[in-house]
C-alpha cells in the first residue's frame, strides 16, 4: 500500500486536533477529520440544494482543519482530549465552582 503526502497530512491533522498524548484524543481527531466533510456536505445539500462539489468540500475542510490546529495549539495544546477532560471536570464540579 502506497501512502501519498495527503494521507500523511490527514493522519497528522487527526493526531494534532485530537491530542498527541492520548488514545482517546486520536479517536476524537479521527472522528472529526473524517466526519466533518460528510456533515459539511449534508448541510450544504440542505441549505444550497447540492451546490457544493467535492473540490469545495475538500478545500473548506482543509481550511477548517488549519483553523482548528492553530486555535487548539494556541488555546489548548492537548487537543480535543484535553478539552474533553476539562469539560468533564467542570461538569463534575458544576453546582459548586470551587
PDB file of N, CA and C in Angstrom:
ATOM      1  N   UNK A   1       0.845  -1.166   0.000  1.00  0.00           N
ATOM      2  CA  UNK A   1       0.000   0.000   0.000  1.00  0.00           C
ATOM      3  C   UNK A   1       0.897   1.239   0.000  1.00  0.00           C
ATOM      4  N   UNK A   2       0.636   2.139  -0.898  1.00  0.00           N
ATOM      5  CA  UNK A   2       1.444   3.345  -1.032  1.00  0.00           C
ATOM      6  C   UNK A   2       0.660   4.511  -0.427  1.00  0.00           C
ATOM      7  N   UNK A   3       1.325   5.213   0.482  1.00  0.00           N
ATOM      8  CA  UNK A   3       0.713   6.392   1.083  1.00  0.00           C
ATOM      9  C   UNK A   3       1.217   7.634   0.372  1.00  0.00           C
ATOM     10  N   UNK A   4       0.319   8.526   0.113  1.00  0.00           N
ATOM     11  CA  UNK A   4       0.699   9.781  -0.501  1.00  0.00           C
ATOM     12  C   UNK A   4       0.861  10.833   0.588  1.00  0.00           C
ATOM     13  N   UNK A   5       1.328  11.995   0.198  1.00  0.00           N
ATOM     14  CA  UNK A   5       1.557  13.080   1.155  1.00  0.00           C
ATOM     15  C   UNK A   5       0.232  13.522   1.775  1.00  0.00           C
ATOM     16  N   UNK A   6      -0.835  13.523   0.994  1.00  0.00           N
ATOM     17  CA  UNK A   6      -2.141  13.927   1.524  1.00  0.00           C
ATOM     18  C   UNK A   6      -2.586  13.024   2.670  1.00  0.00           C
ATOM     19  N   UNK A   7      -2.358  11.729   2.532  1.00  0.00           N
ATOM     20  CA  UNK A   7      -2.741  10.790   3.594  1.00  0.00           C
ATOM     21  C   UNK A   7      -1.901  11.042   4.841  1.00  0.00           C
ATOM     22  N   UNK A   8      -0.621  11.323   4.663  1.00  0.00           N
ATOM     23  CA  UNK A   8       0.248  11.611   5.810  1.00  0.00           C
ATOM     24  C   UNK A   8      -0.215  12.864   6.542  1.00  0.00           C
ATOM     25  N   UNK A   9      -0.595  13.895   5.793  1.00  0.00           N
ATOM     26  CA  UNK A   9      -1.090  15.116   6.416  1.00  0.00           C
ATOM     27  C   UNK A   9      -2.414  14.873   7.125  1.00  0.00           C
ATOM     28  N   UNK A  10      -3.269  14.056   6.546  1.00  0.00           N
ATOM     29  CA  UNK A  10      -4.546  13.750   7.187  1.00  0.00           C
ATOM     30  C   UNK A  10      -4.327  13.065   8.526  1.00  0.00           C
ATOM     31  N   UNK A  11      -3.420  12.115   8.572  1.00  0.00           N
ATOM     32  CA  UNK A  11      -3.112  11.431   9.832  1.00  0.00           C
ATOM     33  C   UNK A  11      -2.503  12.403  10.830  1.00  0.00           C
ATOM     34  N   UNK A  12      -1.629  13.281  10.369  1.00  0.00           N
ATOM     35  CA  UNK A  12      -1.042  14.286  11.248  1.00  0.00           C
ATOM     36  C   UNK A  12      -2.109  15.230  11.788  1.00  0.00           C
ATOM     37  N   UNK A  13      -3.052  15.646  10.942  1.00  0.00           N
ATOM     38  CA  UNK A  13      -4.146  16.511  11.388  1.00  0.00           C
ATOM     39  C   UNK A  13      -4.982  15.818  12.453  1.00  0.00           C
ATOM     40  N   UNK A  14      -5.249  14.538  12.265  1.00  0.00           N
ATOM     41  CA  UNK A  14      -6.022  13.781  13.256  1.00  0.00           C
ATOM     42  C   UNK A  14      -5.333  13.808  14.608  1.00  0.00           C
ATOM     43  N   UNK A  15      -4.038  13.563  14.604  1.00  0.00           N
ATOM     44  CA  UNK A  15      -3.305  13.495  15.866  1.00  0.00           C
ATOM     45  C   UNK A  15      -3.196  14.851  16.542  1.00  0.00           C
ATOM     46  N   UNK A  16      -2.946  15.893  15.782  1.00  0.00           N
ATOM     47  CA  UNK A  16      -2.804  17.224  16.388  1.00  0.00           C
ATOM     48  C   UNK A  16      -4.154  17.723  16.906  1.00  0.00           C
ATOM     49  N   UNK A  17      -5.196  17.583  16.121  1.00  0.00           N
ATOM     50  CA  UNK A  17      -6.510  18.072  16.545  1.00  0.00           C
ATOM     51  C   UNK A  17      -7.028  17.269  17.735  1.00  0.00           C
ATOM     52  N   UNK A  18      -6.852  15.970  17.712  1.00  0.00           N
ATOM     53  CA  UNK A  18      -7.354  15.130  18.793  1.00  0.00           C
ATOM     54  C   UNK A  18      -6.535  15.236  20.058  1.00  0.00           C
ATOM     55  N   UNK A  19      -5.251  15.368  19.932  1.00  0.00           N
ATOM     56  CA  UNK A  19      -4.365  15.417  21.093  1.00  0.00           C
ATOM     57  C   UNK A  19      -3.284  14.357  20.963  1.00  0.00           C
ATOM     58  N   UNK A  20      -2.056  14.786  21.098  1.00  0.00           N
ATOM     59  CA  UNK A  20      -0.929  13.894  20.849  1.00  0.00           C
ATOM     60  C   UNK A  20      -0.682  12.907  21.981  1.00  0.00           C
ATOM     61  N   UNK A  21      -1.152  13.197  23.174  1.00  0.00           N
ATOM     62  CA  UNK A  21      -0.769  12.387  24.316  1.00  0.00           C
ATOM     63  C   UNK A  21      -1.750  11.322  24.741  1.00  0.00           C
ATOM     64  N   UNK A  22      -2.810  11.095  23.982  1.00  0.00           N
ATOM     65  CA  UNK A  22      -3.799  10.131  24.445  1.00  0.00           C
ATOM     66  C   UNK A  22      -4.416   9.373  23.278  1.00  0.00           C
ATOM     67  N   UNK A  23      -4.860   8.183  23.579  1.00  0.00           N
ATOM     68  CA  UNK A  23      -5.529   7.375  22.565  1.00  0.00           C
ATOM     69  C   UNK A  23      -6.921   7.930  22.289  1.00  0.00           C
ATOM     70  N   UNK A  24      -7.606   8.384  23.330  1.00  0.00           N
ATOM     71  CA  UNK A  24      -8.943   8.957  23.113  1.00  0.00           C
ATOM     72  C   UNK A  24      -8.863  10.210  22.241  1.00  0.00           C
ATOM     73  N   UNK A  25      -7.794  10.979  22.382  1.00  0.00           N
ATOM     74  CA  UNK A  25      -7.606  12.144  21.523  1.00  0.00           C
ATOM     75  C   UNK A  25      -7.408  11.753  20.079  1.00  0.00           C
ATOM     76  N   UNK A  26      -6.698  10.661  19.855  1.00  0.00           N
ATOM     77  CA  UNK A  26      -6.531  10.178  18.482  1.00  0.00           C
ATOM     78  C   UNK A  26      -7.865   9.767  17.888  1.00  0.00           C
ATOM     79  N   UNK A  27      -8.703   9.123  18.688  1.00  0.00           N
ATOM     80  CA  UNK A  27     -10.035   8.741  18.227  1.00  0.00           C
ATOM     81  C   UNK A  27     -10.887   9.973  17.932  1.00  0.00           C
ATOM     82  N   UNK A  28     -10.856  10.945  18.842  1.00  0.00           N
ATOM     83  CA  UNK A  28     -11.645  12.162  18.628  1.00  0.00           C
ATOM     84  C   UNK A  28     -11.177  12.910  17.387  1.00  0.00           C
ATOM     85  N   UNK A  29      -9.871  12.996  17.191  1.00  0.00           N
ATOM     86  CA  UNK A  29      -9.337  13.649  16.000  1.00  0.00           C
ATOM     87  C   UNK A  29      -9.720  12.924  14.730  1.00  0.00           C
ATOM     88  N   UNK A  30      -9.670  11.593  14.749  1.00  0.00           N
ATOM     89  CA  UNK A  30     -10.051  10.814  13.570  1.00  0.00           C
ATOM     90  C   UNK A  30     -11.529  10.986  13.255  1.00  0.00           C
ATOM     91  N   UNK A  31     -12.355  10.986  14.290  1.00  0.00           N
ATOM     92  CA  UNK A  31     -13.791  11.177  14.075  1.00  0.00           C
ATOM     93  C   UNK A  31     -14.049  12.554  13.470  1.00  0.00           C
ATOM     94  N   UNK A  32     -13.385  13.577  14.004  1.00  0.00           N
ATOM     95  CA  UNK A  32     -13.587  14.930  13.486  1.00  0.00           C
ATOM     96  C   UNK A  32     -13.129  15.047  12.038  1.00  0.00           C
ATOM     97  N   UNK A  33     -11.937  14.541  11.740  1.00  0.00           N
ATOM     98  CA  UNK A  33     -11.385  14.693  10.391  1.00  0.00           C
ATOM     99  C   UNK A  33     -12.198  13.920   9.360  1.00  0.00           C
ATOM    100  N   UNK A  34     -12.726  12.773   9.716  1.00  0.00           N
ATOM    101  CA  UNK A  34     -13.491  12.008   8.744  1.00  0.00           C
ATOM    102  C   UNK A  34     -14.961  12.392   8.694  1.00  0.00           C
ATOM    103  N   UNK A  35     -15.526  12.871   9.777  1.00  0.00           N
ATOM    104  CA  UNK A  35     -16.945  13.204   9.794  1.00  0.00           C
ATOM    105  C   UNK A  35     -17.237  14.638   9.348  1.00  0.00           C
ATOM    106  N   UNK A  36     -16.287  15.552   9.498  1.00  0.00           N
ATOM    107  CA  UNK A  36     -16.554  16.944   9.136  1.00  0.00           C
ATOM    108  C   UNK A  36     -16.938  17.103   7.667  1.00  0.00           C
ATOM    109  N   UNK A  37     -16.203  16.506   6.709  1.00  0.00           N
ATOM    110  CA  UNK A  37     -16.633  16.670   5.307  1.00  0.00           C
ATOM    111  C   UNK A  37     -18.014  16.077   5.024  1.00  0.00           C
ATOM    112  N   UNK A  38     -18.359  15.008   5.705  1.00  0.00           N
ATOM    113  CA  UNK A  38     -19.674  14.402   5.496  1.00  0.00           C
ATOM    114  C   UNK A  38     -20.773  15.330   6.002  1.00  0.00           C
ATOM    115  N   UNK A  39     -20.591  15.850   7.211  1.00  0.00           N
ATOM    116  CA  UNK A  39     -21.584  16.759   7.781  1.00  0.00           C
ATOM    117  C   UNK A  39     -21.654  18.053   6.980  1.00  0.00           C
ATOM    118  N   UNK A  40     -20.504  18.551   6.547  1.00  0.00           N
ATOM    119  CA  UNK A  40     -20.464  19.774   5.733  1.00  0.00           C
ATOM    120  C   UNK A  40     -21.215  19.565   4.411  1.00  0.00           C
ATOM    121  N   UNK A  41     -21.070  18.403   3.804  1.00  0.00           N
ATOM    122  CA  UNK A  41     -21.789  18.090   2.570  1.00  0.00           C
ATOM    123  C   UNK A  41     -23.288  18.021   2.822  1.00  0.00           C
ATOM    124  N   UNK A  42     -23.704  17.384   3.921  1.00  0.00           N
ATOM    125  CA  UNK A  42     -25.135  17.309   4.245  1.00  0.00           C
ATOM    126  C   UNK A  42     -25.727  18.694   4.457  1.00  0.00           C
ATOM    127  N   UNK A  43     -25.025  19.536   5.221  1.00  0.00           N
ATOM    128  CA  UNK A  43     -25.519  20.891   5.480  1.00  0.00           C
ATOM    129  C   UNK A  43     -25.570  21.688   4.181  1.00  0.00           C
ATOM    130  N   UNK A  44     -24.530  21.554   3.358  1.00  0.00           N
ATOM    131  CA  UNK A  44     -24.519  22.251   2.070  1.00  0.00           C
ATOM    132  C   UNK A  44     -25.632  21.792   1.150  1.00  0.00           C
ATOM    133  N   UNK A  45     -25.908  20.491   1.147  1.00  0.00           N
ATOM    134  CA  UNK A  45     -27.007  19.979   0.328  1.00  0.00           C
ATOM    135  C   UNK A  45     -28.354  20.474   0.839  1.00  0.00           C
ATOM    136  N   UNK A  46     -28.497  20.566   2.157  1.00  0.00           N
ATOM    137  CA  UNK A  46     -29.757  21.023   2.734  1.00  0.00           C
ATOM    138  C   UNK A  46     -29.983  22.508   2.473  1.00  0.00           C
ATOM    139  N   UNK A  47     -28.938  23.310   2.670  1.00  0.00           N
ATOM    140  CA  UNK A  47     -29.095  24.758   2.543  1.00  0.00           C
ATOM    141  C   UNK A  47     -29.054  25.212   1.082  1.00  0.00           C
ATOM    142  N   UNK A  48     -28.073  24.700   0.323  1.00  0.00           N
ATOM    143  CA  UNK A  48     -27.861  25.182  -1.043  1.00  0.00           C
ATOM    144  C   UNK A  48     -28.339  24.202  -2.119  1.00  0.00           C
ATOM    145  N   UNK A  49     -29.055  23.165  -1.768  1.00  0.00           N
ATOM    146  CA  UNK A  49     -29.609  22.181  -2.690  1.00  0.00           C
ATOM    147  C   UNK A  49     -28.539  21.580  -3.608  1.00  0.00           C
ATOM    148  N   UNK A  50     -27.430  21.147  -3.018  1.00  0.00           N
ATOM    149  CA  UNK A  50     -26.417  20.418  -3.771  1.00  0.00           C
ATOM    150  C   UNK A  50     -25.471  21.263  -4.590  1.00  0.00           C
ATOM    151  N   UNK A  51     -25.244  22.509  -4.198  1.00  0.00           N
ATOM    152  CA  UNK A  51     -24.369  23.385  -4.969  1.00  0.00           C
ATOM    153  C   UNK A  51     -22.892  23.108  -4.723  1.00  0.00           C
ATOM    154  N   UNK A  52     -22.569  22.336  -3.691  1.00  0.00           N
ATOM    155  CA  UNK A  52     -21.170  22.057  -3.383  1.00  0.00           C
ATOM    156  C   UNK A  52     -20.686  20.867  -4.190  1.00  0.00           C
ATOM    157  N   UNK A  53     -19.508  20.998  -4.774  1.00  0.00           N
ATOM    158  CA  UNK A  53     -18.879  19.831  -5.377  1.00  0.00           C
ATOM    159  C   UNK A  53     -17.753  19.358  -4.457  1.00  0.00           C
ATOM    160  N   UNK A  54     -17.093  18.297  -4.834  1.00  0.00           N
ATOM    161  CA  UNK A  54     -16.093  17.707  -3.932  1.00  0.00           C
ATOM    162  C   UNK A  54     -14.896  18.611  -3.725  1.00  0.00           C
ATOM    163  N   UNK A  55     -14.538  19.408  -4.709  1.00  0.00           N
ATOM    164  CA  UNK A  55     -13.389  20.312  -4.554  1.00  0.00           C
ATOM    165  C   UNK A  55     -13.673  21.366  -3.496  1.00  0.00           C
ATOM    166  N   UNK A  56     -14.888  21.894  -3.473  1.00  0.00           N
ATOM    167  CA  UNK A  56     -15.259  22.892  -2.464  1.00  0.00           C
ATOM    168  C   UNK A  56     -15.213  22.267  -1.079  1.00  0.00           C
ATOM    169  N   UNK A  57     -15.766  21.078  -0.943  1.00  0.00           N
ATOM    170  CA  UNK A  57     -15.794  20.408   0.356  1.00  0.00           C
ATOM    171  C   UNK A  57     -14.378  20.122   0.838  1.00  0.00           C
ATOM    172  N   UNK A  58     -13.510  19.651  -0.043  1.00  0.00           N
ATOM    173  CA  UNK A  58     -12.140  19.345   0.359  1.00  0.00           C
ATOM    174  C   UNK A  58     -11.370  20.600   0.742  1.00  0.00           C
ATOM    175  N   UNK A  59     -11.517  21.669  -0.020  1.00  0.00           N
ATOM    176  CA  UNK A  59     -10.799  22.904   0.291  1.00  0.00           C
ATOM    177  C   UNK A  59     -11.292  23.539   1.585  1.00  0.00           C
ATOM    178  N   UNK A  60     -12.596  23.566   1.783  1.00  0.00           N
ATOM    179  CA  UNK A  60     -13.140  24.122   3.027  1.00  0.00           C
ATOM    180  C   UNK A  60     -12.721  23.254   4.215  1.00  0.00           C
ATOM    181  N   UNK A  61     -12.715  21.946   4.038  1.00  0.00           N
ATOM    182  CA  UNK A  61     -12.287  21.049   5.110  1.00  0.00           C
ATOM    183  C   UNK A  61     -10.840  21.323   5.499  1.00  0.00           C
ATOM    184  N   UNK A  62      -9.974  21.492   4.517  1.00  0.00           N
ATOM    185  CA  UNK A  62      -8.573  21.788   4.816  1.00  0.00           C
ATOM    186  C   UNK A  62      -8.421  23.127   5.531  1.00  0.00           C
ATOM    187  N   UNK A  63      -9.215  24.115   5.145  1.00  0.00           N
ATOM    188  CA  UNK A  63      -9.152  25.405   5.840  1.00  0.00           C
ATOM    189  C   UNK A  63      -9.630  25.281   7.282  1.00  0.00           C
ATOM    190  N   UNK A  64     -10.697  24.526   7.490  1.00  0.00           N
ATOM    191  CA  UNK A  64     -11.222  24.338   8.848  1.00  0.00           C
ATOM    192  C   UNK A  64     -10.206  23.580   9.704  1.00  0.00           C
ATOM    193  N   UNK A  65      -9.552  22.564   9.137  1.00  0.00           N
ATOM    194  CA  UNK A  65      -8.524  21.840   9.886  1.00  0.00           C
ATOM    195  C   UNK A  65      -7.398  22.785  10.292  1.00  0.00           C
ATOM    196  N   UNK A  66      -6.993  23.657   9.373  1.00  0.00           N
ATOM    197  CA  UNK A  66      -5.937  24.617   9.690  1.00  0.00           C
ATOM    198  C   UNK A  66      -6.328  25.564  10.804  1.00  0.00           C
ATOM    199  N   UNK A  67      -7.563  26.061  10.752  1.00  0.00           N
ATOM    200  CA  UNK A  67      -8.046  26.960  11.803  1.00  0.00           C
ATOM    201  C   UNK A  67      -8.107  26.235  13.139  1.00  0.00           C
ATOM    202  N   UNK A  68      -8.598  24.991  13.134  1.00  0.00           N
ATOM    203  CA  UNK A  68      -8.667  24.222  14.372  1.00  0.00           C
ATOM    204  C   UNK A  68      -7.271  23.936  14.929  1.00  0.00           C
ATOM    205  N   UNK A  69      -6.334  23.606  14.072  1.00  0.00           N
ATOM    206  CA  UNK A  69      -4.976  23.332  14.544  1.00  0.00           C
ATOM    207  C   UNK A  69      -4.374  24.573  15.174  1.00  0.00           C
ATOM    208  N   UNK A  70      -4.493  25.707  14.511  1.00  0.00           N
ATOM    209  CA  UNK A  70      -3.937  26.948  15.059  1.00  0.00           C
ATOM    210  C   UNK A  70      -4.623  27.308  16.370  1.00  0.00           C
ATOM    211  N   UNK A  71      -5.955  27.250  16.398  1.00  0.00           N
ATOM    212  CA  UNK A  71      -6.694  27.613  17.611  1.00  0.00           C
ATOM    213  C   UNK A  71      -6.377  26.663  18.764  1.00  0.00           C
ATOM    214  N   UNK A  72      -6.305  25.370  18.474  1.00  0.00           N
ATOM    215  CA  UNK A  72      -6.029  24.414  19.544  1.00  0.00           C
ATOM    216  C   UNK A  72      -4.591  24.512  20.039  1.00  0.00           C
ATOM    217  N   UNK A  73      -3.651  24.771  19.151  1.00  0.00           N
ATOM    218  CA  UNK A  73      -2.268  24.901  19.604  1.00  0.00           C
ATOM    219  C   UNK A  73      -2.070  26.147  20.442  1.00  0.00           C
ATOM    220  N   UNK A  74      -2.853  27.184  20.170  1.00  0.00           N
ATOM    221  CA  UNK A  74      -2.759  28.396  20.985  1.00  0.00           C
ATOM    222  C   UNK A  74      -3.524  28.227  22.291  1.00  0.00           C
ATOM    223  N   UNK A  75      -4.758  27.783  22.209  1.00  0.00           N
ATOM    224  CA  UNK A  75      -5.635  27.737  23.380  1.00  0.00           C
ATOM    225  C   UNK A  75      -5.449  26.483  24.227  1.00  0.00           C
ATOM    226  N   UNK A  76      -5.434  25.330  23.583  1.00  0.00           N
ATOM    227  CA  UNK A  76      -5.357  24.063  24.311  1.00  0.00           C
ATOM    228  C   UNK A  76      -4.445  23.102  23.559  1.00  0.00           C
ATOM    229  N   UNK A  77      -3.159  23.080  23.891  1.00  0.00           N
ATOM    230  CA  UNK A  77      -2.219  22.226  23.144  1.00  0.00           C
ATOM    231  C   UNK A  77      -2.523  20.740  23.257  1.00  0.00           C
ATOM    232  N   UNK A  78      -3.335  20.340  24.209  1.00  0.00           N
ATOM    233  CA  UNK A  78      -3.681  18.935  24.354  1.00  0.00           C
ATOM    234  C   UNK A  78      -4.747  18.457  23.391  1.00  0.00           C
ATOM    235  N   UNK A  79      -5.312  19.362  22.603  1.00  0.00           N
ATOM    236  CA  UNK A  79      -6.308  18.986  21.605  1.00  0.00           C
ATOM    237  C   UNK A  79      -7.682  18.729  22.201  1.00  0.00           C
ATOM    238  N   UNK A  80      -8.491  17.988  21.445  1.00  0.00           N
ATOM    239  CA  UNK A  80      -9.847  17.678  21.889  1.00  0.00           C
ATOM    240  C   UNK A  80      -9.863  16.831  23.150  1.00  0.00           C
ATOM    241  N   UNK A  81      -8.855  16.005  23.331  1.00  0.00           N
ATOM    242  CA  UNK A  81      -8.817  15.155  24.529  1.00  0.00           C
ATOM    243  C   UNK A  81      -8.705  16.010  25.792  1.00  0.00           C
ATOM    244  N   UNK A  82      -7.865  17.030  25.760  1.00  0.00           N
ATOM    245  CA  UNK A  82      -7.724  17.914  26.921  1.00  0.00           C
ATOM    246  C   UNK A  82      -8.989  18.744  27.130  1.00  0.00           C
ATOM    247  N   UNK A  83      -9.611  19.192  26.036  1.00  0.00           N
ATOM    248  CA  UNK A  83     -10.871  19.922  26.170  1.00  0.00           C
ATOM    249  C   UNK A  83     -11.958  19.037  26.772  1.00  0.00           C
ATOM    250  N   UNK A  84     -11.987  17.778  26.362  1.00  0.00           N
ATOM    251  CA  UNK A  84     -12.969  16.838  26.900  1.00  0.00           C
ATOM    252  C   UNK A  84     -12.715  16.599  28.386  1.00  0.00           C
ATOM    253  N   UNK A  85     -11.469  16.433  28.783  1.00  0.00           N
ATOM    254  CA  UNK A  85     -11.145  16.213  30.197  1.00  0.00           C
ATOM    255  C   UNK A  85     -11.500  17.442  31.035  1.00  0.00           C
ATOM    256  N   UNK A  86     -11.227  18.627  30.523  1.00  0.00           N
ATOM    257  CA  UNK A  86     -11.563  19.861  31.238  1.00  0.00           C
ATOM    258  C   UNK A  86     -13.074  20.008  31.374  1.00  0.00           C
ATOM    259  N   UNK A  87     -13.788  19.706  30.315  1.00  0.00           N
ATOM    260  CA  UNK A  87     -15.248  19.801  30.357  1.00  0.00           C
ATOM    261  C   UNK A  87     -15.838  18.807  31.351  1.00  0.00           C
ATOM    262  N   UNK A  88     -15.328  17.583  31.364  1.00  0.00           N
ATOM    263  CA  UNK A  88     -15.815  16.592  32.336  1.00  0.00           C
ATOM    264  C   UNK A  88     -15.549  17.051  33.759  1.00  0.00           C
ATOM    265  N   UNK A  89     -14.372  17.605  34.019  1.00  0.00           N
ATOM    266  CA  UNK A  89     -14.041  18.076  35.362  1.00  0.00           C
ATOM    267  C   UNK A  89     -14.952  19.225  35.784  1.00  0.00           C
ATOM    268  N   UNK A  90     -15.218  20.146  34.881  1.00  0.00           N
ATOM    269  CA  UNK A  90     -16.105  21.266  35.202  1.00  0.00           C
ATOM    270  C   UNK A  90     -17.535  20.799  35.426  1.00  0.00           C
ATOM    271  N   UNK A  91     -17.988  19.814  34.663  1.00  0.00           N
ATOM    272  CA  UNK A  91     -19.343  19.309  34.865  1.00  0.00           C
ATOM    273  C   UNK A  91     -19.475  18.534  36.168  1.00  0.00           C
ATOM    274  N   UNK A  92     -18.419  17.886  36.598  1.00  0.00           N
ATOM    275  CA  UNK A  92     -18.462  17.199  37.895  1.00  0.00           C
ATOM    276  C   UNK A  92     -18.593  18.188  39.045  1.00  0.00           C
ATOM    277  N   UNK A  93     -17.969  19.343  38.908  1.00  0.00           N
ATOM    278  CA  UNK A  93     -17.966  20.350  39.969  1.00  0.00           C
ATOM    279  C   UNK A  93     -18.991  21.451  39.704  1.00  0.00           C
ATOM    280  N   UNK A  94     -19.934  21.237  38.786  1.00  0.00           N
ATOM    281  CA  UNK A  94     -20.797  22.284  38.312  1.00  0.00           C
ATOM    282  C   UNK A  94     -21.557  23.065  39.392  1.00  0.00           C
ATOM    283  N   UNK A  95     -22.271  22.445  40.301  1.00  0.00           N
ATOM    284  CA  UNK A  95     -23.037  23.293  41.230  1.00  0.00           C
ATOM    285  C   UNK A  95     -22.131  24.086  42.177  1.00  0.00           C
ATOM    286  N   UNK A  96     -20.932  23.608  42.400  1.00  0.00           N
ATOM    287  CA  UNK A  96     -20.019  24.267  43.329  1.00  0.00           C
ATOM    288  C   UNK A  96     -18.776  24.682  42.564  1.00  0.00           C
ATOM    289  N   UNK A  97     -18.588  25.975  42.299  1.00  0.00           N
ATOM    290  CA  UNK A  97     -17.493  26.404  41.439  1.00  0.00           C
ATOM    291  C   UNK A  97     -16.098  26.220  42.044  1.00  0.00           C
ATOM    292  N   UNK A  98     -15.975  25.950  43.302  1.00  0.00           N
ATOM    293  CA  UNK A  98     -14.636  25.843  43.906  1.00  0.00           C
ATOM    294  C   UNK A  98     -14.113  24.458  43.835  1.00  0.00           C
TER     295      UNK A  98
END
